[in-house]
PDB file of N, CA and C in Angstrom:
ATOM      1  N   MET A   1     120.653 102.214 116.902  1.00  0.00           N
ATOM      2  CA  MET A   1     119.411 101.492 116.995  1.00  0.00           C
ATOM      3  C   MET A   1     119.571 100.168 116.254  1.00  0.00           C
ATOM      4  N   THR A   2     119.217  99.088 116.899  1.00  0.00           N
ATOM      5  CA  THR A   2     119.336  97.779 116.274  1.00  0.00           C
ATOM      6  C   THR A   2     118.108  97.517 115.410  1.00  0.00           C
ATOM      7  N   PRO A   3     118.305  96.917 114.248  1.00  0.00           N
ATOM      8  CA  PRO A   3     117.160  96.634 113.383  1.00  0.00           C
ATOM      9  C   PRO A   3     116.310  95.508 113.965  1.00  0.00           C
ATOM     10  N   LEU A   4     115.058  95.513 113.581  1.00  0.00           N
ATOM     11  CA  LEU A   4     114.168  94.443 114.016  1.00  0.00           C
ATOM     12  C   LEU A   4     114.555  93.141 113.346  1.00  0.00           C
ATOM     13  N   SER A   5     114.173  92.059 113.957  1.00  0.00           N
ATOM     14  CA  SER A   5     114.470  90.768 113.351  1.00  0.00           C
ATOM     15  C   SER A   5     113.634  90.607 112.078  1.00  0.00           C
ATOM     16  N   PRO A   6     114.138  89.844 111.121  1.00  0.00           N
ATOM     17  CA  PRO A   6     113.367  89.670 109.878  1.00  0.00           C
ATOM     18  C   PRO A   6     112.087  88.887 110.135  1.00  0.00           C
ATOM     19  N   LEU A   7     111.167  89.031 109.209  1.00  0.00           N
ATOM     20  CA  LEU A   7     109.912  88.286 109.325  1.00  0.00           C
ATOM     21  C   LEU A   7     110.212  86.795 109.258  1.00  0.00           C
ATOM     22  N   THR A   8     109.703  86.044 110.222  1.00  0.00           N
ATOM     23  CA  THR A   8     109.979  84.611 110.232  1.00  0.00           C
ATOM     24  C   THR A   8     109.045  83.846 109.296  1.00  0.00           C
ATOM     25  N   HIS A   9     107.838  84.314 109.147  1.00  0.00           N
ATOM     26  CA  HIS A   9     106.864  83.681 108.245  1.00  0.00           C
ATOM     27  C   HIS A   9     106.271  84.768 107.342  1.00  0.00           C
ATOM     28  N   PRO A  10     107.002  85.196 106.300  1.00  0.00           N
ATOM     29  CA  PRO A  10     106.530  86.353 105.512  1.00  0.00           C
ATOM     30  C   PRO A  10     105.184  86.134 104.838  1.00  0.00           C
ATOM     31  N   ILE A  11     104.915  84.937 104.343  1.00  0.00           N
ATOM     32  CA  ILE A  11     103.629  84.695 103.673  1.00  0.00           C
ATOM     33  C   ILE A  11     102.483  84.819 104.674  1.00  0.00           C
ATOM     34  N   LEU A  12     102.653  84.226 105.844  1.00  0.00           N
ATOM     35  CA  LEU A  12     101.617  84.302 106.867  1.00  0.00           C
ATOM     36  C   LEU A  12     101.426  85.732 107.353  1.00  0.00           C
ATOM     37  N   ASP A  13     102.526  86.454 107.546  1.00  0.00           N
ATOM     38  CA  ASP A  13     102.423  87.838 108.001  1.00  0.00           C
ATOM     39  C   ASP A  13     101.706  88.704 106.973  1.00  0.00           C
ATOM     40  N   LEU A  14     102.005  88.515 105.699  1.00  0.00           N
ATOM     41  CA  LEU A  14     101.320  89.287 104.655  1.00  0.00           C
ATOM     42  C   LEU A  14      99.844  88.911 104.575  1.00  0.00           C
ATOM     43  N   PHE A  15      99.546  87.626 104.748  1.00  0.00           N
ATOM     44  CA  PHE A  15      98.157  87.185 104.758  1.00  0.00           C
ATOM     45  C   PHE A  15      97.394  87.841 105.906  1.00  0.00           C
ATOM     46  N   LEU A  16      98.012  87.860 107.085  1.00  0.00           N
ATOM     47  CA  LEU A  16      97.340  88.443 108.245  1.00  0.00           C
ATOM     48  C   LEU A  16      97.149  89.948 108.099  1.00  0.00           C
ATOM     49  N   LEU A  17      98.121  90.642 107.511  1.00  0.00           N
ATOM     50  CA  LEU A  17      97.939  92.074 107.257  1.00  0.00           C
ATOM     51  C   LEU A  17      96.779  92.309 106.294  1.00  0.00           C
ATOM     52  N   GLY A  18      96.681  91.492 105.261  1.00  0.00           N
ATOM     53  CA  GLY A  18      95.568  91.609 104.323  1.00  0.00           C
ATOM     54  C   GLY A  18      94.235  91.279 104.983  1.00  0.00           C
ATOM     55  N   PHE A  19      94.237  90.286 105.858  1.00  0.00           N
ATOM     56  CA  PHE A  19      93.013  89.914 106.569  1.00  0.00           C
ATOM     57  C   PHE A  19      92.559  91.043 107.480  1.00  0.00           C
ATOM     58  N   ILE A  20      93.504  91.659 108.195  1.00  0.00           N
ATOM     59  CA  ILE A  20      93.162  92.782 109.070  1.00  0.00           C
ATOM     60  C   ILE A  20      92.622  93.951 108.249  1.00  0.00           C
ATOM     61  N   ALA A  21      93.215  94.204 107.080  1.00  0.00           N
ATOM     62  CA  ALA A  21      92.729  95.277 106.218  1.00  0.00           C
ATOM     63  C   ALA A  21      91.301  94.986 105.746  1.00  0.00           C
ATOM     64  N   ALA A  22      91.036  93.738 105.383  1.00  0.00           N
ATOM     65  CA  ALA A  22      89.691  93.382 104.917  1.00  0.00           C
ATOM     66  C   ALA A  22      88.672  93.507 106.046  1.00  0.00           C
ATOM     67  N   MET A  23      89.035  93.070 107.238  1.00  0.00           N
ATOM     68  CA  MET A  23      88.097  93.169 108.359  1.00  0.00           C
ATOM     69  C   MET A  23      87.880  94.618 108.789  1.00  0.00           C
ATOM     70  N   SER A  24      88.887  95.450 108.605  1.00  0.00           N
ATOM     71  CA  SER A  24      88.704  96.876 108.876  1.00  0.00           C
ATOM     72  C   SER A  24      87.702  97.478 107.891  1.00  0.00           C
ATOM     73  N   LEU A  25      87.749  97.018 106.643  1.00  0.00           N
ATOM     74  CA  LEU A  25      86.756  97.489 105.668  1.00  0.00           C
ATOM     75  C   LEU A  25      85.353  97.036 106.029  1.00  0.00           C
ATOM     76  N   VAL A  26      85.216  95.815 106.533  1.00  0.00           N
ATOM     77  CA  VAL A  26      83.908  95.324 106.962  1.00  0.00           C
ATOM     78  C   VAL A  26      83.381  96.165 108.124  1.00  0.00           C
ATOM     79  N   ALA A  27      84.265  96.476 109.091  1.00  0.00           N
ATOM     80  CA  ALA A  27      83.852  97.320 110.213  1.00  0.00           C
ATOM     81  C   ALA A  27      83.469  98.711 109.721  1.00  0.00           C
ATOM     82  N   MET A  28      84.223  99.242 108.756  1.00  0.00           N
ATOM     83  CA  MET A  28      83.907 100.554 108.204  1.00  0.00           C
ATOM     84  C   MET A  28      82.520 100.546 107.563  1.00  0.00           C
ATOM     85  N   LEU A  29      82.232  99.516 106.790  1.00  0.00           N
ATOM     86  CA  LEU A  29      80.924  99.438 106.145  1.00  0.00           C
ATOM     87  C   LEU A  29      79.805  99.303 107.165  1.00  0.00           C
ATOM     88  N   SER A  30      80.044  98.585 108.252  1.00  0.00           N
ATOM     89  CA  SER A  30      79.029  98.462 109.302  1.00  0.00           C
ATOM     90  C   SER A  30      78.755  99.810 109.948  1.00  0.00           C
ATOM     91  N   PHE A  31      79.814 100.549 110.273  1.00  0.00           N
ATOM     92  CA  PHE A  31      79.611 101.861 110.889  1.00  0.00           C
ATOM     93  C   PHE A  31      78.980 102.848 109.917  1.00  0.00           C
ATOM     94  N   LEU A  32      79.289 102.720 108.621  1.00  0.00           N
ATOM     95  CA  LEU A  32      78.617 103.579 107.646  1.00  0.00           C
ATOM     96  C   LEU A  32      77.127 103.281 107.587  1.00  0.00           C
ATOM     97  N   ARG A  33      76.762 102.024 107.706  1.00  0.00           N
ATOM     98  CA  ARG A  33      75.345 101.658 107.712  1.00  0.00           C
ATOM     99  C   ARG A  33      74.653 102.233 108.947  1.00  0.00           C
ATOM    100  N   PHE A  34      75.323 102.136 110.128  1.00  0.00           N
ATOM    101  CA  PHE A  34      74.750 102.704 111.343  1.00  0.00           C
ATOM    102  C   PHE A  34      74.612 104.215 111.221  1.00  0.00           C
ATOM    103  N   TRP A  35      75.627 104.872 110.631  1.00  0.00           N
ATOM    104  CA  TRP A  35      75.575 106.323 110.462  1.00  0.00           C
ATOM    105  C   TRP A  35      74.434 106.714 109.523  1.00  0.00           C
ATOM    106  N   LYS A  36      74.252 105.918 108.470  1.00  0.00           N
ATOM    107  CA  LYS A  36      73.191 106.238 107.508  1.00  0.00           C
ATOM    108  C   LYS A  36      71.811 106.124 108.150  1.00  0.00           C
ATOM    109  N   SER A  37      71.640 105.149 109.046  1.00  0.00           N
ATOM    110  CA  SER A  37      70.321 104.972 109.655  1.00  0.00           C
ATOM    111  C   SER A  37      70.076 105.927 110.818  1.00  0.00           C
ATOM    112  N   THR A  38      71.138 106.354 111.527  1.00  0.00           N
ATOM    113  CA  THR A  38      70.933 107.216 112.689  1.00  0.00           C
ATOM    114  C   THR A  38      71.345 108.666 112.451  1.00  0.00           C
ATOM    115  N   GLY A  39      72.298 108.901 111.564  1.00  0.00           N
ATOM    116  CA  GLY A  39      72.804 110.245 111.339  1.00  0.00           C
ATOM    117  C   GLY A  39      73.756 110.715 112.427  1.00  0.00           C
ATOM    118  N   ASP A  40      74.177 109.816 113.300  1.00  0.00           N
ATOM    119  CA  ASP A  40      75.079 110.159 114.408  1.00  0.00           C
ATOM    120  C   ASP A  40      76.508 110.307 113.887  1.00  0.00           C
ATOM    121  N   PRO A  41      77.132 111.462 114.083  1.00  0.00           N
ATOM    122  CA  PRO A  41      78.486 111.669 113.565  1.00  0.00           C
ATOM    123  C   PRO A  41      79.541 110.794 114.246  1.00  0.00           C
ATOM    124  N   LEU A  42      79.229 110.255 115.412  1.00  0.00           N
ATOM    125  CA  LEU A  42      80.175 109.358 116.071  1.00  0.00           C
ATOM    126  C   LEU A  42      80.390 108.101 115.224  1.00  0.00           C
ATOM    127  N   PHE A  43      79.323 107.592 114.623  1.00  0.00           N
ATOM    128  CA  PHE A  43      79.463 106.431 113.745  1.00  0.00           C
ATOM    129  C   PHE A  43      80.296 106.779 112.513  1.00  0.00           C
ATOM    130  N   LEU A  44      80.156 107.996 112.022  1.00  0.00           N
ATOM    131  CA  LEU A  44      80.944 108.419 110.874  1.00  0.00           C
ATOM    132  C   LEU A  44      82.429 108.503 111.233  1.00  0.00           C
ATOM    133  N   SER A  45      82.734 108.962 112.439  1.00  0.00           N
ATOM    134  CA  SER A  45      84.143 109.028 112.845  1.00  0.00           C
ATOM    135  C   SER A  45      84.734 107.634 113.009  1.00  0.00           C
ATOM    136  N   PHE A  46      83.951 106.679 113.513  1.00  0.00           N
ATOM    137  CA  PHE A  46      84.443 105.308 113.595  1.00  0.00           C
ATOM    138  C   PHE A  46      84.646 104.712 112.207  1.00  0.00           C
ATOM    139  N   ALA A  47      83.757 105.030 111.273  1.00  0.00           N
ATOM    140  CA  ALA A  47      83.932 104.549 109.899  1.00  0.00           C
ATOM    141  C   ALA A  47      85.198 105.120 109.288  1.00  0.00           C
ATOM    142  N   ALA A  48      85.467 106.396 109.527  1.00  0.00           N
ATOM    143  CA  ALA A  48      86.698 107.007 109.017  1.00  0.00           C
ATOM    144  C   ALA A  48      87.923 106.367 109.663  1.00  0.00           C
ATOM    145  N   PHE A  49      87.849 106.069 110.964  1.00  0.00           N
ATOM    146  CA  PHE A  49      88.956 105.418 111.661  1.00  0.00           C
ATOM    147  C   PHE A  49      89.277 104.072 111.019  1.00  0.00           C
ATOM    148  N   PHE A  50      88.258 103.255 110.792  1.00  0.00           N
ATOM    149  CA  PHE A  50      88.505 101.941 110.216  1.00  0.00           C
ATOM    150  C   PHE A  50      88.945 102.033 108.761  1.00  0.00           C
ATOM    151  N   ALA A  51      88.507 103.055 108.040  1.00  0.00           N
ATOM    152  CA  ALA A  51      88.999 103.253 106.675  1.00  0.00           C
ATOM    153  C   ALA A  51      90.492 103.568 106.688  1.00  0.00           C
ATOM    154  N   VAL A  52      90.916 104.438 107.601  1.00  0.00           N
ATOM    155  CA  VAL A  52      92.340 104.766 107.711  1.00  0.00           C
ATOM    156  C   VAL A  52      93.136 103.541 108.122  1.00  0.00           C
ATOM    157  N   GLN A  53      92.607 102.759 109.057  1.00  0.00           N
ATOM    158  CA  GLN A  53      93.310 101.552 109.480  1.00  0.00           C
ATOM    159  C   GLN A  53      93.476 100.586 108.313  1.00  0.00           C
ATOM    160  N   SER A  54      92.447 100.438 107.513  1.00  0.00           N
ATOM    161  CA  SER A  54      92.525  99.543 106.367  1.00  0.00           C
ATOM    162  C   SER A  54      93.555 100.024 105.353  1.00  0.00           C
ATOM    163  N   VAL A  55      93.540 101.306 105.075  1.00  0.00           N
ATOM    164  CA  VAL A  55      94.484 101.851 104.097  1.00  0.00           C
ATOM    165  C   VAL A  55      95.920 101.697 104.590  1.00  0.00           C
ATOM    166  N   THR A  56      96.159 101.969 105.876  1.00  0.00           N
ATOM    167  CA  THR A  56      97.531 101.852 106.379  1.00  0.00           C
ATOM    168  C   THR A  56      98.015 100.412 106.367  1.00  0.00           C
ATOM    169  N   HIS A  57      97.122  99.471 106.609  1.00  0.00           N
ATOM    170  CA  HIS A  57      97.541  98.062 106.539  1.00  0.00           C
ATOM    171  C   HIS A  57      97.838  97.643 105.099  1.00  0.00           C
ATOM    172  N   VAL A  58      97.072  98.150 104.163  1.00  0.00           N
ATOM    173  CA  VAL A  58      97.352  97.841 102.755  1.00  0.00           C
ATOM    174  C   VAL A  58      98.675  98.463 102.329  1.00  0.00           C
ATOM    175  N   VAL A  59      98.946  99.676 102.793  1.00  0.00           N
ATOM    176  CA  VAL A  59     100.229 100.316 102.476  1.00  0.00           C
ATOM    177  C   VAL A  59     101.381  99.528 103.091  1.00  0.00           C
ATOM    178  N   MET A  60     101.172  99.013 104.299  1.00  0.00           N
ATOM    179  CA  MET A  60     102.218  98.217 104.944  1.00  0.00           C
ATOM    180  C   MET A  60     102.527  96.947 104.158  1.00  0.00           C
ATOM    181  N   LEU A  61     101.555  96.439 103.416  1.00  0.00           N
ATOM    182  CA  LEU A  61     101.801  95.259 102.580  1.00  0.00           C
ATOM    183  C   LEU A  61     102.850  95.543 101.516  1.00  0.00           C
ATOM    184  N   GLY A  62     102.938  96.782 101.068  1.00  0.00           N
ATOM    185  CA  GLY A  62     103.885  97.140 100.028  1.00  0.00           C
ATOM    186  C   GLY A  62     105.261  97.529 100.536  1.00  0.00           C
ATOM    187  N   LEU A  63     105.415  97.681 101.850  1.00  0.00           N
ATOM    188  CA  LEU A  63     106.710  98.057 102.398  1.00  0.00           C
ATOM    189  C   LEU A  63     107.680  96.879 102.344  1.00  0.00           C
ATOM    190  N   THR A  64     108.965  97.178 102.193  1.00  0.00           N
ATOM    191  CA  THR A  64     109.955  96.094 102.170  1.00  0.00           C
ATOM    192  C   THR A  64     110.135  95.472 103.548  1.00  0.00           C
ATOM    193  N   HIS A  65     109.964  96.275 104.597  1.00  0.00           N
ATOM    194  CA  HIS A  65     110.049  95.776 105.973  1.00  0.00           C
ATOM    195  C   HIS A  65     108.790  96.188 106.721  1.00  0.00           C
ATOM    196  N   PRO A  66     107.691  95.430 106.564  1.00  0.00           N
ATOM    197  CA  PRO A  66     106.429  95.857 107.175  1.00  0.00           C
ATOM    198  C   PRO A  66     106.447  95.829 108.703  1.00  0.00           C
ATOM    199  N   ASN A  67     107.392  95.098 109.295  1.00  0.00           N
ATOM    200  CA  ASN A  67     107.418  95.058 110.755  1.00  0.00           C
ATOM    201  C   ASN A  67     108.068  96.301 111.359  1.00  0.00           C
ATOM    202  N   GLU A  68     108.670  97.158 110.535  1.00  0.00           N
ATOM    203  CA  GLU A  68     109.278  98.383 111.050  1.00  0.00           C
ATOM    204  C   GLU A  68     108.310  99.555 111.061  1.00  0.00           C
ATOM    205  N   GLY A  69     107.298  99.523 110.235  1.00  0.00           N
ATOM    206  CA  GLY A  69     106.325 100.604 110.209  1.00  0.00           C
ATOM    207  C   GLY A  69     106.870 101.848 109.538  1.00  0.00           C
ATOM    208  N   SER A  70     106.154 102.915 109.648  1.00  0.00           N
ATOM    209  CA  SER A  70     106.523 104.170 109.021  1.00  0.00           C
ATOM    210  C   SER A  70     105.983 105.318 109.867  1.00  0.00           C
ATOM    211  N   PHE A  71     106.738 106.399 109.939  1.00  0.00           N
ATOM    212  CA  PHE A  71     106.320 107.571 110.709  1.00  0.00           C
ATOM    213  C   PHE A  71     105.004 108.114 110.186  1.00  0.00           C
ATOM    214  N   TRP A  72     104.845 108.220 108.871  1.00  0.00           N
ATOM    215  CA  TRP A  72     103.633 108.802 108.296  1.00  0.00           C
ATOM    216  C   TRP A  72     102.414 107.915 108.515  1.00  0.00           C
ATOM    217  N   LEU A  73     102.608 106.593 108.494  1.00  0.00           N
ATOM    218  CA  LEU A  73     101.481 105.702 108.788  1.00  0.00           C
ATOM    219  C   LEU A  73     101.015 105.893 110.228  1.00  0.00           C
ATOM    220  N   PHE A  74     101.966 106.013 111.133  1.00  0.00           N
ATOM    221  CA  PHE A  74     101.596 106.238 112.525  1.00  0.00           C
ATOM    222  C   PHE A  74     100.915 107.584 112.705  1.00  0.00           C
ATOM    223  N   MET A  75     101.321 108.588 111.947  1.00  0.00           N
ATOM    224  CA  MET A  75     100.686 109.906 112.052  1.00  0.00           C
ATOM    225  C   MET A  75      99.240 109.861 111.539  1.00  0.00           C
ATOM    226  N   PHE A  76      99.008 109.146 110.438  1.00  0.00           N
ATOM    227  CA  PHE A  76      97.633 109.011 109.937  1.00  0.00           C
ATOM    228  C   PHE A  76      96.763 108.269 110.943  1.00  0.00           C
ATOM    229  N   ARG A  77      97.319 107.237 111.566  1.00  0.00           N
ATOM    230  CA  ARG A  77      96.561 106.516 112.587  1.00  0.00           C
ATOM    231  C   ARG A  77      96.266 107.413 113.781  1.00  0.00           C
ATOM    232  N   LEU A  78      97.231 108.210 114.182  1.00  0.00           N
ATOM    233  CA  LEU A  78      97.021 109.130 115.295  1.00  0.00           C
ATOM    234  C   LEU A  78      95.925 110.133 114.966  1.00  0.00           C
ATOM    235  N   LEU A  79      95.930 110.654 113.753  1.00  0.00           N
ATOM    236  CA  LEU A  79      94.879 111.601 113.362  1.00  0.00           C
ATOM    237  C   LEU A  79      93.501 110.948 113.367  1.00  0.00           C
ATOM    238  N   SER A  80      93.425 109.685 112.961  1.00  0.00           N
ATOM    239  CA  SER A  80      92.124 109.010 112.973  1.00  0.00           C
ATOM    240  C   SER A  80      91.648 108.774 114.398  1.00  0.00           C
ATOM    241  N   ILE A  81      92.563 108.474 115.308  1.00  0.00           N
ATOM    242  CA  ILE A  81      92.184 108.304 116.710  1.00  0.00           C
ATOM    243  C   ILE A  81      91.752 109.641 117.302  1.00  0.00           C
ATOM    244  N   LEU A  82      92.461 110.703 116.955  1.00  0.00           N
ATOM    245  CA  LEU A  82      92.059 112.033 117.433  1.00  0.00           C
ATOM    246  C   LEU A  82      90.682 112.415 116.897  1.00  0.00           C
ATOM    247  N   GLY A  83      90.363 111.984 115.669  1.00  0.00           N
ATOM    248  CA  GLY A  83      89.033 112.230 115.119  1.00  0.00           C
ATOM    249  C   GLY A  83      87.949 111.564 115.949  1.00  0.00           C
ATOM    250  N   ILE A  84      88.210 110.349 116.419  1.00  0.00           N
ATOM    251  CA  ILE A  84      87.241 109.666 117.288  1.00  0.00           C
ATOM    252  C   ILE A  84      87.108 110.405 118.611  1.00  0.00           C
ATOM    253  N   LEU A  85      88.234 110.808 119.183  1.00  0.00           N
ATOM    254  CA  LEU A  85      88.178 111.524 120.462  1.00  0.00           C
ATOM    255  C   LEU A  85      87.418 112.836 120.342  1.00  0.00           C
ATOM    256  N   ILE A  86      87.627 113.547 119.248  1.00  0.00           N
ATOM    257  CA  ILE A  86      86.902 114.803 119.028  1.00  0.00           C
ATOM    258  C   ILE A  86      85.410 114.532 118.869  1.00  0.00           C
ATOM    259  N   ALA A  87      85.064 113.465 118.155  1.00  0.00           N
ATOM    260  CA  ALA A  87      83.644 113.130 117.977  1.00  0.00           C
ATOM    261  C   ALA A  87      83.004 112.743 119.305  1.00  0.00           C
ATOM    262  N   ILE A  88      83.740 112.037 120.155  1.00  0.00           N
ATOM    263  CA  ILE A  88      83.199 111.668 121.467  1.00  0.00           C
ATOM    264  C   ILE A  88      82.987 112.917 122.318  1.00  0.00           C
ATOM    265  N   LEU A  89      83.983 113.811 122.320  1.00  0.00           N
ATOM    266  CA  LEU A  89      83.836 115.048 123.090  1.00  0.00           C
ATOM    267  C   LEU A  89      82.701 115.906 122.558  1.00  0.00           C
ATOM    268  N   TRP A  90      82.561 115.965 121.233  1.00  0.00           N
ATOM    269  CA  TRP A  90      81.486 116.763 120.640  1.00  0.00           C
ATOM    270  C   TRP A  90      80.121 116.176 120.999  1.00  0.00           C
ATOM    271  N   LYS A  91      80.023 114.861 121.002  1.00  0.00           N
ATOM    272  CA  LYS A  91      78.750 114.214 121.308  1.00  0.00           C
ATOM    273  C   LYS A  91      78.378 114.399 122.776  1.00  0.00           C
ATOM    274  N   ASN A  92      79.370 114.445 123.652  1.00  0.00           N
ATOM    275  CA  ASN A  92      79.097 114.529 125.087  1.00  0.00           C
ATOM    276  C   ASN A  92      79.141 115.936 125.651  1.00  0.00           C
ATOM    277  N   ARG A  93      79.303 116.917 124.785  1.00  0.00           N
ATOM    278  CA  ARG A  93      79.339 118.285 125.304  1.00  0.00           C
ATOM    279  C   ARG A  93      77.987 118.646 125.885  1.00  0.00           C
ATOM    280  N   ARG A  94      78.029 119.500 126.875  1.00  0.00           N
ATOM    281  CA  ARG A  94      76.789 119.906 127.526  1.00  0.00           C
ATOM    282  C   ARG A  94      76.312 121.227 126.954  1.00  0.00           C
ATOM    283  N   THR A  95      75.079 121.274 126.640  1.00  0.00           N
ATOM    284  CA  THR A  95      74.496 122.539 126.180  1.00  0.00           C
ATOM    285  C   THR A  95      73.908 123.242 127.373  1.00  0.00           C
ATOM    286  N   SER A  96      74.365 124.443 127.616  1.00  0.00           N
ATOM    287  CA  SER A  96      73.891 125.175 128.811  1.00  0.00           C
ATOM    288  C   SER A  96      72.705 126.030 128.483  1.00  0.00           C
TER     289      SER A  96
END
């Protein structure tokens, strides 16, 4: 397997990762506000998704090669996406 090319603009890339993490926190806070006012668990699952996204981006800031990623970061992201899918299915289930 060939390694990825090195970061061409490391300062800009780190800035953008931090910006994405901050905006994920803003989205998380917005969904938490919606969940608090409606009590809908779908909003809570979206808030959890954006919290996980923010944490994984912050962790990527500390990696020596952030453009390569990590298996465990991808697994946490997958679990957060599965949480949204489960919340959507739970919300749309039919009561007979």
